[in-house]
N, C-alpha and C. Protein backbone atom coordinates (compact mmCIF):
# COMPACT_ATOMS: atom_id res chain seq x y z
N MET A 1 0.86 -1.18 0.00
CA MET A 1 0.00 0.00 0.00
C MET A 1 0.89 1.23 0.00
N PRO A 2 0.63 2.20 -0.91
CA PRO A 2 1.47 3.38 -0.99
C PRO A 2 1.32 4.24 0.26
N ALA A 3 2.39 4.95 0.59
CA ALA A 3 2.36 5.85 1.74
C ALA A 3 1.36 6.97 1.48
N GLU A 4 0.59 7.30 2.50
CA GLU A 4 -0.41 8.37 2.35
C GLU A 4 0.25 9.71 2.57
N LEU A 5 -0.15 10.66 1.75
CA LEU A 5 0.32 12.02 1.90
C LEU A 5 -0.48 12.70 3.00
N PRO A 6 0.17 13.54 3.81
CA PRO A 6 -0.59 14.26 4.84
C PRO A 6 -1.69 15.10 4.19
N GLY A 7 -2.87 15.05 4.76
CA GLY A 7 -3.99 15.84 4.25
C GLY A 7 -4.76 15.15 3.14
N THR A 8 -4.34 13.97 2.70
CA THR A 8 -5.05 13.25 1.67
C THR A 8 -6.27 12.58 2.30
N PRO A 9 -7.46 12.87 1.76
CA PRO A 9 -8.65 12.27 2.37
C PRO A 9 -8.69 10.77 2.10
N LEU A 10 -9.19 10.03 3.07
CA LEU A 10 -9.35 8.59 2.92
C LEU A 10 -10.64 8.32 2.14
N PRO A 11 -10.69 7.29 1.32
CA PRO A 11 -11.92 6.99 0.60
C PRO A 11 -13.01 6.56 1.58
N LEU A 12 -14.24 6.90 1.23
CA LEU A 12 -15.36 6.51 2.06
C LEU A 12 -15.64 5.03 1.87
N PRO A 13 -16.08 4.34 2.90
CA PRO A 13 -16.44 2.93 2.72
C PRO A 13 -17.66 2.83 1.83
N MET A 14 -17.68 1.84 0.98
CA MET A 14 -18.79 1.66 0.05
C MET A 14 -19.70 0.55 0.57
N ARG A 15 -20.99 0.75 0.41
CA ARG A 15 -21.96 -0.28 0.77
C ARG A 15 -22.16 -1.17 -0.43
N THR A 16 -21.95 -2.45 -0.27
CA THR A 16 -22.12 -3.37 -1.39
C THR A 16 -23.55 -3.84 -1.46
N GLN A 17 -24.01 -4.10 -2.66
CA GLN A 17 -25.38 -4.54 -2.89
C GLN A 17 -25.61 -5.87 -2.19
N GLY A 18 -26.64 -5.96 -1.40
CA GLY A 18 -27.01 -7.20 -0.75
C GLY A 18 -26.10 -7.62 0.40
N ALA A 19 -25.27 -6.71 0.86
CA ALA A 19 -24.36 -7.06 1.96
C ALA A 19 -25.16 -7.31 3.23
N ALA A 20 -24.80 -8.36 3.93
CA ALA A 20 -25.49 -8.69 5.17
C ALA A 20 -24.95 -7.79 6.28
N ARG A 21 -25.82 -7.36 7.14
CA ARG A 21 -25.41 -6.54 8.28
C ARG A 21 -25.20 -7.45 9.46
N ALA A 22 -24.04 -7.39 10.04
CA ALA A 22 -23.73 -8.23 11.19
C ALA A 22 -23.94 -7.42 12.47
N PHE A 23 -24.69 -7.98 13.39
CA PHE A 23 -24.93 -7.34 14.67
C PHE A 23 -24.31 -8.20 15.76
N PRO A 24 -23.66 -7.59 16.72
CA PRO A 24 -23.07 -8.36 17.81
C PRO A 24 -24.13 -9.19 18.52
N ALA A 25 -23.73 -10.34 19.03
CA ALA A 25 -24.66 -11.22 19.75
C ALA A 25 -25.29 -10.46 20.90
N GLY A 26 -26.57 -10.65 21.06
CA GLY A 26 -27.28 -10.02 22.16
C GLY A 26 -27.77 -8.61 21.87
N GLN A 27 -27.38 -8.01 20.73
CA GLN A 27 -27.82 -6.66 20.43
C GLN A 27 -29.25 -6.72 19.91
N VAL A 28 -30.08 -5.84 20.40
CA VAL A 28 -31.48 -5.80 20.01
C VAL A 28 -31.67 -4.69 18.99
N LEU A 29 -32.30 -5.02 17.88
CA LEU A 29 -32.61 -4.00 16.88
C LEU A 29 -33.76 -3.15 17.40
N ARG A 30 -33.69 -1.84 17.14
CA ARG A 30 -34.76 -0.98 17.62
C ARG A 30 -36.00 -1.19 16.77
N GLU A 31 -37.13 -0.90 17.36
CA GLU A 31 -38.40 -1.06 16.67
C GLU A 31 -38.56 0.03 15.62
N ALA A 32 -39.44 -0.24 14.67
CA ALA A 32 -39.73 0.74 13.63
C ALA A 32 -40.35 1.99 14.27
N HIS A 33 -40.16 3.12 13.60
CA HIS A 33 -40.73 4.38 14.07
C HIS A 33 -42.25 4.22 14.17
N PRO A 34 -42.88 4.76 15.23
CA PRO A 34 -44.33 4.57 15.41
C PRO A 34 -45.17 5.14 14.27
N GLU A 35 -44.65 6.12 13.53
CA GLU A 35 -45.40 6.72 12.43
C GLU A 35 -45.18 6.00 11.10
N ALA A 36 -44.24 5.06 11.03
CA ALA A 36 -43.83 4.46 9.76
C ALA A 36 -44.98 3.76 9.04
N LYS A 37 -45.73 2.94 9.72
CA LYS A 37 -46.80 2.17 9.06
C LYS A 37 -47.89 3.09 8.52
N ALA A 38 -48.34 4.04 9.33
CA ALA A 38 -49.41 4.95 8.91
C ALA A 38 -48.97 5.81 7.73
N THR A 39 -47.73 6.30 7.76
CA THR A 39 -47.28 7.16 6.66
C THR A 39 -47.06 6.36 5.39
N ALA A 40 -46.58 5.12 5.50
CA ALA A 40 -46.41 4.28 4.31
C ALA A 40 -47.76 4.00 3.66
N GLU A 41 -48.77 3.72 4.48
CA GLU A 41 -50.11 3.48 3.95
C GLU A 41 -50.69 4.74 3.34
N ALA A 42 -50.48 5.89 3.97
CA ALA A 42 -50.99 7.16 3.44
C ALA A 42 -50.30 7.50 2.12
N LEU A 43 -48.98 7.30 2.04
CA LEU A 43 -48.25 7.56 0.81
C LEU A 43 -48.74 6.66 -0.31
N ASP A 44 -49.05 5.42 0.02
CA ASP A 44 -49.60 4.48 -0.97
C ASP A 44 -50.93 4.99 -1.52
N ARG A 45 -51.77 5.53 -0.62
CA ARG A 45 -53.10 6.01 -1.04
C ARG A 45 -53.02 7.23 -1.96
N ILE A 46 -52.02 8.10 -1.74
CA ILE A 46 -51.98 9.35 -2.53
C ILE A 46 -51.10 9.24 -3.77
N ARG A 47 -50.33 8.18 -3.88
CA ARG A 47 -49.33 8.03 -4.95
C ARG A 47 -49.89 8.36 -6.34
N ASP A 48 -51.08 7.87 -6.65
CA ASP A 48 -51.65 8.09 -7.99
C ASP A 48 -52.44 9.39 -8.10
N GLN A 49 -52.59 10.12 -7.01
CA GLN A 49 -53.35 11.35 -7.02
C GLN A 49 -52.49 12.60 -7.23
N VAL A 50 -51.18 12.47 -7.08
CA VAL A 50 -50.31 13.64 -7.24
C VAL A 50 -50.00 13.88 -8.71
N ASP A 51 -49.58 15.08 -9.03
CA ASP A 51 -49.27 15.49 -10.39
C ASP A 51 -47.96 14.86 -10.85
N ARG A 52 -48.01 13.67 -11.46
CA ARG A 52 -46.81 12.96 -11.87
C ARG A 52 -46.14 13.59 -13.09
N ALA A 53 -46.79 14.52 -13.73
CA ALA A 53 -46.15 15.23 -14.84
C ALA A 53 -45.05 16.15 -14.32
N ASN A 54 -45.18 16.60 -13.10
CA ASN A 54 -44.21 17.52 -12.51
C ASN A 54 -43.48 16.93 -11.30
N ILE A 55 -44.18 16.18 -10.48
CA ILE A 55 -43.57 15.60 -9.29
C ILE A 55 -42.90 14.28 -9.65
N THR A 56 -41.62 14.16 -9.33
CA THR A 56 -40.87 12.96 -9.67
C THR A 56 -40.67 12.02 -8.49
N GLY A 57 -40.95 12.48 -7.29
CA GLY A 57 -40.78 11.61 -6.14
C GLY A 57 -41.32 12.22 -4.86
N LEU A 58 -41.68 11.36 -3.93
CA LEU A 58 -42.17 11.77 -2.61
C LEU A 58 -41.44 10.94 -1.57
N LEU A 59 -41.14 11.55 -0.45
CA LEU A 59 -40.48 10.86 0.64
C LEU A 59 -41.06 11.40 1.94
N VAL A 60 -41.31 10.52 2.88
CA VAL A 60 -41.83 10.92 4.18
C VAL A 60 -40.78 10.55 5.22
N ALA A 61 -40.44 11.52 6.06
CA ALA A 61 -39.41 11.33 7.08
C ALA A 61 -39.95 11.82 8.42
N SER A 62 -39.27 11.41 9.47
CA SER A 62 -39.61 11.93 10.80
C SER A 62 -38.79 13.20 11.04
N ARG A 63 -39.20 13.99 12.00
CA ARG A 63 -38.47 15.22 12.31
C ARG A 63 -37.08 14.95 12.87
N ASP A 64 -36.83 13.72 13.28
CA ASP A 64 -35.48 13.38 13.73
C ASP A 64 -34.66 12.73 12.62
N GLY A 65 -35.16 12.80 11.37
CA GLY A 65 -34.38 12.39 10.22
C GLY A 65 -34.45 10.93 9.83
N LEU A 66 -35.42 10.20 10.34
CA LEU A 66 -35.56 8.79 9.97
C LEU A 66 -36.52 8.63 8.80
N LEU A 67 -36.19 7.75 7.90
CA LEU A 67 -37.04 7.46 6.74
C LEU A 67 -38.27 6.71 7.20
N LEU A 68 -39.46 7.19 6.81
CA LEU A 68 -40.71 6.52 7.16
C LEU A 68 -41.30 5.81 5.95
N ALA A 69 -41.25 6.45 4.78
CA ALA A 69 -41.78 5.87 3.55
C ALA A 69 -41.24 6.67 2.38
N SER A 70 -41.16 6.02 1.21
CA SER A 70 -40.70 6.77 0.04
C SER A 70 -41.25 6.20 -1.25
N ASP A 71 -41.34 7.07 -2.22
CA ASP A 71 -41.70 6.73 -3.59
C ASP A 71 -40.75 7.54 -4.47
N THR A 72 -39.49 7.11 -4.50
CA THR A 72 -38.45 7.84 -5.22
C THR A 72 -37.65 6.87 -6.07
N ARG A 73 -36.84 7.44 -6.97
CA ARG A 73 -35.91 6.66 -7.79
C ARG A 73 -34.55 7.32 -7.75
N ASP A 74 -33.51 6.51 -7.70
CA ASP A 74 -32.13 6.99 -7.79
C ASP A 74 -31.77 8.02 -6.73
N ILE A 75 -32.34 7.87 -5.53
CA ILE A 75 -32.06 8.80 -4.44
C ILE A 75 -31.69 7.98 -3.21
N GLU A 76 -30.71 8.44 -2.46
CA GLU A 76 -30.36 7.79 -1.18
C GLU A 76 -31.40 8.24 -0.15
N ASP A 77 -32.46 7.47 -0.02
CA ASP A 77 -33.59 7.84 0.82
C ASP A 77 -33.19 8.15 2.27
N ASP A 78 -32.34 7.33 2.86
CA ASP A 78 -31.96 7.56 4.25
C ASP A 78 -31.23 8.89 4.43
N SER A 79 -30.35 9.22 3.50
CA SER A 79 -29.62 10.48 3.57
C SER A 79 -30.55 11.67 3.38
N VAL A 80 -31.46 11.54 2.42
CA VAL A 80 -32.41 12.63 2.17
C VAL A 80 -33.32 12.83 3.39
N ALA A 81 -33.74 11.74 4.03
CA ALA A 81 -34.57 11.86 5.24
C ALA A 81 -33.82 12.63 6.32
N ALA A 82 -32.56 12.32 6.51
CA ALA A 82 -31.76 13.03 7.52
C ALA A 82 -31.60 14.50 7.15
N MET A 83 -31.33 14.77 5.88
CA MET A 83 -31.16 16.16 5.45
C MET A 83 -32.48 16.94 5.52
N SER A 84 -33.61 16.27 5.33
CA SER A 84 -34.89 16.97 5.41
C SER A 84 -35.13 17.51 6.81
N ALA A 85 -34.75 16.74 7.83
CA ALA A 85 -34.89 17.23 9.20
C ALA A 85 -34.00 18.44 9.43
N ALA A 86 -32.78 18.38 8.89
CA ALA A 86 -31.86 19.51 9.03
C ALA A 86 -32.40 20.73 8.27
N ALA A 87 -32.96 20.51 7.09
CA ALA A 87 -33.49 21.62 6.28
C ALA A 87 -34.64 22.33 6.99
N VAL A 88 -35.54 21.57 7.59
CA VAL A 88 -36.67 22.17 8.30
C VAL A 88 -36.18 22.93 9.52
N GLY A 89 -35.19 22.38 10.21
CA GLY A 89 -34.61 23.09 11.36
C GLY A 89 -33.95 24.39 10.95
N LEU A 90 -33.20 24.35 9.87
CA LEU A 90 -32.54 25.55 9.37
C LEU A 90 -33.57 26.58 8.90
N ALA A 91 -34.61 26.11 8.21
CA ALA A 91 -35.66 27.02 7.75
C ALA A 91 -36.33 27.72 8.93
N ALA A 92 -36.61 26.96 9.98
CA ALA A 92 -37.25 27.55 11.17
C ALA A 92 -36.36 28.63 11.79
N ARG A 93 -35.06 28.34 11.89
CA ARG A 93 -34.12 29.33 12.45
C ARG A 93 -34.03 30.55 11.55
N PHE A 94 -33.91 30.33 10.25
CA PHE A 94 -33.76 31.42 9.28
C PHE A 94 -35.00 32.33 9.30
N ILE A 95 -36.18 31.71 9.23
CA ILE A 95 -37.44 32.47 9.23
C ILE A 95 -37.59 33.21 10.55
N GLY A 96 -37.23 32.56 11.65
CA GLY A 96 -37.31 33.20 12.96
C GLY A 96 -36.39 34.41 13.05
N GLN A 97 -35.15 34.27 12.60
CA GLN A 97 -34.19 35.39 12.63
C GLN A 97 -34.65 36.53 11.73
N ALA A 98 -35.32 36.20 10.64
CA ALA A 98 -35.79 37.23 9.72
C ALA A 98 -37.11 37.85 10.18
N GLY A 99 -37.69 37.31 11.25
CA GLY A 99 -38.93 37.85 11.79
C GLY A 99 -40.12 37.61 10.86
N LEU A 100 -40.14 36.45 10.19
CA LEU A 100 -41.19 36.17 9.22
C LEU A 100 -42.23 35.17 9.71
N GLY A 101 -42.29 34.94 11.01
CA GLY A 101 -43.30 34.05 11.57
C GLY A 101 -42.82 32.62 11.68
N GLU A 102 -43.71 31.70 11.36
CA GLU A 102 -43.44 30.27 11.48
C GLU A 102 -43.07 29.70 10.11
N ALA A 103 -42.04 28.86 10.07
CA ALA A 103 -41.61 28.25 8.81
C ALA A 103 -42.66 27.26 8.31
N ARG A 104 -42.99 27.35 7.04
CA ARG A 104 -43.98 26.45 6.44
C ARG A 104 -43.34 25.47 5.47
N GLY A 105 -42.04 25.58 5.26
CA GLY A 105 -41.35 24.67 4.37
C GLY A 105 -40.02 25.24 3.95
N ALA A 106 -39.23 24.38 3.33
CA ALA A 106 -37.93 24.78 2.79
C ALA A 106 -37.87 24.31 1.35
N MET A 107 -37.68 25.24 0.41
CA MET A 107 -37.69 24.92 -1.01
C MET A 107 -36.31 25.21 -1.60
N PHE A 108 -35.82 24.26 -2.41
CA PHE A 108 -34.51 24.38 -3.03
C PHE A 108 -34.64 24.13 -4.53
N GLN A 109 -33.87 24.89 -5.31
CA GLN A 109 -33.87 24.74 -6.75
C GLN A 109 -32.47 24.36 -7.19
N GLY A 110 -32.37 23.28 -7.98
CA GLY A 110 -31.08 22.83 -8.50
C GLY A 110 -31.11 22.78 -10.01
N SER A 111 -29.97 22.52 -10.60
CA SER A 111 -29.90 22.47 -12.07
C SER A 111 -30.65 21.26 -12.63
N LEU A 112 -30.89 20.24 -11.81
CA LEU A 112 -31.57 19.04 -12.28
C LEU A 112 -32.95 18.84 -11.67
N GLY A 113 -33.45 19.86 -10.99
CA GLY A 113 -34.79 19.75 -10.42
C GLY A 113 -34.96 20.57 -9.16
N HIS A 114 -36.09 20.33 -8.52
CA HIS A 114 -36.46 21.07 -7.31
C HIS A 114 -36.75 20.08 -6.19
N VAL A 115 -36.60 20.54 -4.96
CA VAL A 115 -36.99 19.75 -3.80
C VAL A 115 -37.54 20.71 -2.74
N CYS A 116 -38.57 20.23 -2.06
CA CYS A 116 -39.18 21.03 -0.99
C CYS A 116 -39.46 20.10 0.18
N VAL A 117 -39.27 20.62 1.38
CA VAL A 117 -39.55 19.88 2.61
C VAL A 117 -40.63 20.62 3.37
N PHE A 118 -41.70 19.90 3.70
CA PHE A 118 -42.82 20.48 4.45
C PHE A 118 -43.02 19.75 5.77
N PRO A 119 -43.24 20.48 6.86
CA PRO A 119 -43.75 19.82 8.06
C PRO A 119 -45.20 19.40 7.77
N VAL A 120 -45.56 18.16 8.07
CA VAL A 120 -46.91 17.68 7.77
C VAL A 120 -47.78 17.82 9.00
N GLN A 121 -47.50 17.01 9.99
CA GLN A 121 -48.19 17.08 11.28
C GLN A 121 -47.38 16.30 12.28
N GLY A 122 -47.35 16.75 13.50
CA GLY A 122 -46.56 16.07 14.52
C GLY A 122 -45.12 15.88 14.08
N PRO A 123 -44.63 14.66 14.17
CA PRO A 123 -43.22 14.41 13.85
C PRO A 123 -42.96 14.04 12.38
N VAL A 124 -43.88 14.37 11.48
CA VAL A 124 -43.78 13.91 10.09
C VAL A 124 -43.43 15.05 9.14
N LEU A 125 -42.49 14.76 8.21
CA LEU A 125 -42.09 15.69 7.16
C LEU A 125 -42.35 15.07 5.79
N LEU A 126 -42.71 15.90 4.83
CA LEU A 126 -42.88 15.46 3.44
C LEU A 126 -41.82 16.12 2.59
N VAL A 127 -41.14 15.32 1.77
CA VAL A 127 -40.16 15.83 0.82
C VAL A 127 -40.72 15.57 -0.58
N VAL A 128 -40.79 16.62 -1.38
CA VAL A 128 -41.34 16.52 -2.74
C VAL A 128 -40.25 16.89 -3.74
N PHE A 129 -40.09 16.07 -4.77
CA PHE A 129 -39.10 16.30 -5.82
C PHE A 129 -39.82 16.62 -7.12
N ALA A 130 -39.25 17.53 -7.93
CA ALA A 130 -39.89 17.89 -9.20
C ALA A 130 -38.86 17.98 -10.31
N ARG A 131 -39.35 17.97 -11.52
CA ARG A 131 -38.55 18.02 -12.74
C ARG A 131 -37.89 19.40 -12.88
N PRO A 132 -36.78 19.48 -13.59
CA PRO A 132 -36.11 20.78 -13.76
C PRO A 132 -36.91 21.76 -14.62
N ASP A 133 -37.77 21.26 -15.51
CA ASP A 133 -38.54 22.16 -16.38
C ASP A 133 -39.83 22.65 -15.72
N THR A 134 -40.07 22.26 -14.48
CA THR A 134 -41.22 22.75 -13.73
C THR A 134 -40.86 24.12 -13.16
N THR A 135 -41.71 25.11 -13.40
CA THR A 135 -41.43 26.44 -12.85
C THR A 135 -41.60 26.40 -11.34
N MET A 136 -40.93 27.31 -10.66
CA MET A 136 -41.02 27.36 -9.20
C MET A 136 -42.46 27.62 -8.74
N GLY A 137 -43.19 28.44 -9.49
CA GLY A 137 -44.58 28.70 -9.13
C GLY A 137 -45.43 27.45 -9.22
N LEU A 138 -45.30 26.73 -10.32
CA LEU A 138 -46.05 25.48 -10.49
C LEU A 138 -45.61 24.45 -9.46
N PHE A 139 -44.31 24.38 -9.20
CA PHE A 139 -43.81 23.44 -8.19
C PHE A 139 -44.42 23.73 -6.83
N ASN A 140 -44.50 24.99 -6.48
CA ASN A 140 -45.11 25.38 -5.21
C ASN A 140 -46.55 24.88 -5.13
N VAL A 141 -47.29 25.03 -6.22
CA VAL A 141 -48.70 24.61 -6.23
C VAL A 141 -48.83 23.09 -6.12
N VAL A 142 -48.11 22.34 -6.96
CA VAL A 142 -48.26 20.88 -6.96
C VAL A 142 -47.67 20.25 -5.70
N ALA A 143 -46.61 20.85 -5.14
CA ALA A 143 -46.04 20.33 -3.90
C ALA A 143 -47.02 20.52 -2.75
N ARG A 144 -47.67 21.67 -2.71
CA ARG A 144 -48.66 21.92 -1.64
C ARG A 144 -49.89 21.03 -1.80
N GLN A 145 -50.23 20.70 -3.06
CA GLN A 145 -51.33 19.75 -3.27
C GLN A 145 -50.96 18.38 -2.72
N ALA A 146 -49.71 17.95 -2.95
CA ALA A 146 -49.24 16.67 -2.41
C ALA A 146 -49.27 16.71 -0.88
N LEU A 147 -48.88 17.84 -0.30
CA LEU A 147 -48.91 18.00 1.15
C LEU A 147 -50.34 17.85 1.68
N THR A 148 -51.29 18.51 1.04
CA THR A 148 -52.69 18.43 1.47
C THR A 148 -53.22 17.01 1.34
N LEU A 149 -52.88 16.34 0.24
CA LEU A 149 -53.31 14.94 0.06
C LEU A 149 -52.76 14.04 1.17
N LEU A 150 -51.48 14.22 1.51
CA LEU A 150 -50.88 13.41 2.57
C LEU A 150 -51.52 13.72 3.92
N GLN A 151 -51.74 15.00 4.22
CA GLN A 151 -52.38 15.36 5.49
C GLN A 151 -53.77 14.72 5.59
N ASP A 152 -54.54 14.79 4.50
CA ASP A 152 -55.87 14.19 4.49
C ASP A 152 -55.80 12.68 4.69
N ALA A 153 -54.86 12.02 4.00
CA ALA A 153 -54.72 10.57 4.13
C ALA A 153 -54.31 10.17 5.55
N LEU A 154 -53.43 10.95 6.16
CA LEU A 154 -53.03 10.65 7.54
C LEU A 154 -54.17 10.89 8.52
N ASN A 155 -54.98 11.91 8.28
CA ASN A 155 -56.12 12.19 9.16
C ASN A 155 -57.15 11.08 9.07
N LYS A 156 -57.35 10.52 7.88
CA LYS A 156 -58.31 9.42 7.71
C LYS A 156 -57.82 8.15 8.39
N ALA A 157 -56.51 8.02 8.51
CA ALA A 157 -55.93 6.83 9.16
C ALA A 157 -56.12 6.87 10.67
N ASP A 158 -56.31 8.07 11.23
CA ASP A 158 -56.46 8.21 12.70
C ASP A 158 -57.75 7.70 13.18
């Protein structure tokens, strides 16, 4: 193995497809998040009702960054769930410092699309992804429609 130069970053470990996770003997796996089942069922109910011409994916996470349910492609769902919690926290701080009331979401625009994170209810967040050719105005409308559909589906589950 060649000598490492000072300051050279080490490569990140890669997760291999289908790799088994080994847990030490006696370790107990934690239970699923209490909201996971209800949100997965709600996401299933609204999946065909959202504007699929503009919305490319939906993800539901907890406020502590855990993945609850997703309908996405080519996205690291666990990482996005964690970042959604951070985005909502940052939005709340930013809006608070700016004196603009209560944060209602965090919207980001990238060269390959849009993403928005909304607090849904209680400990639940909704992440909505859209196509790059969707205007920000239209994205705001269709993302809020997805939010309303999810809120309604979760309320019916109660």
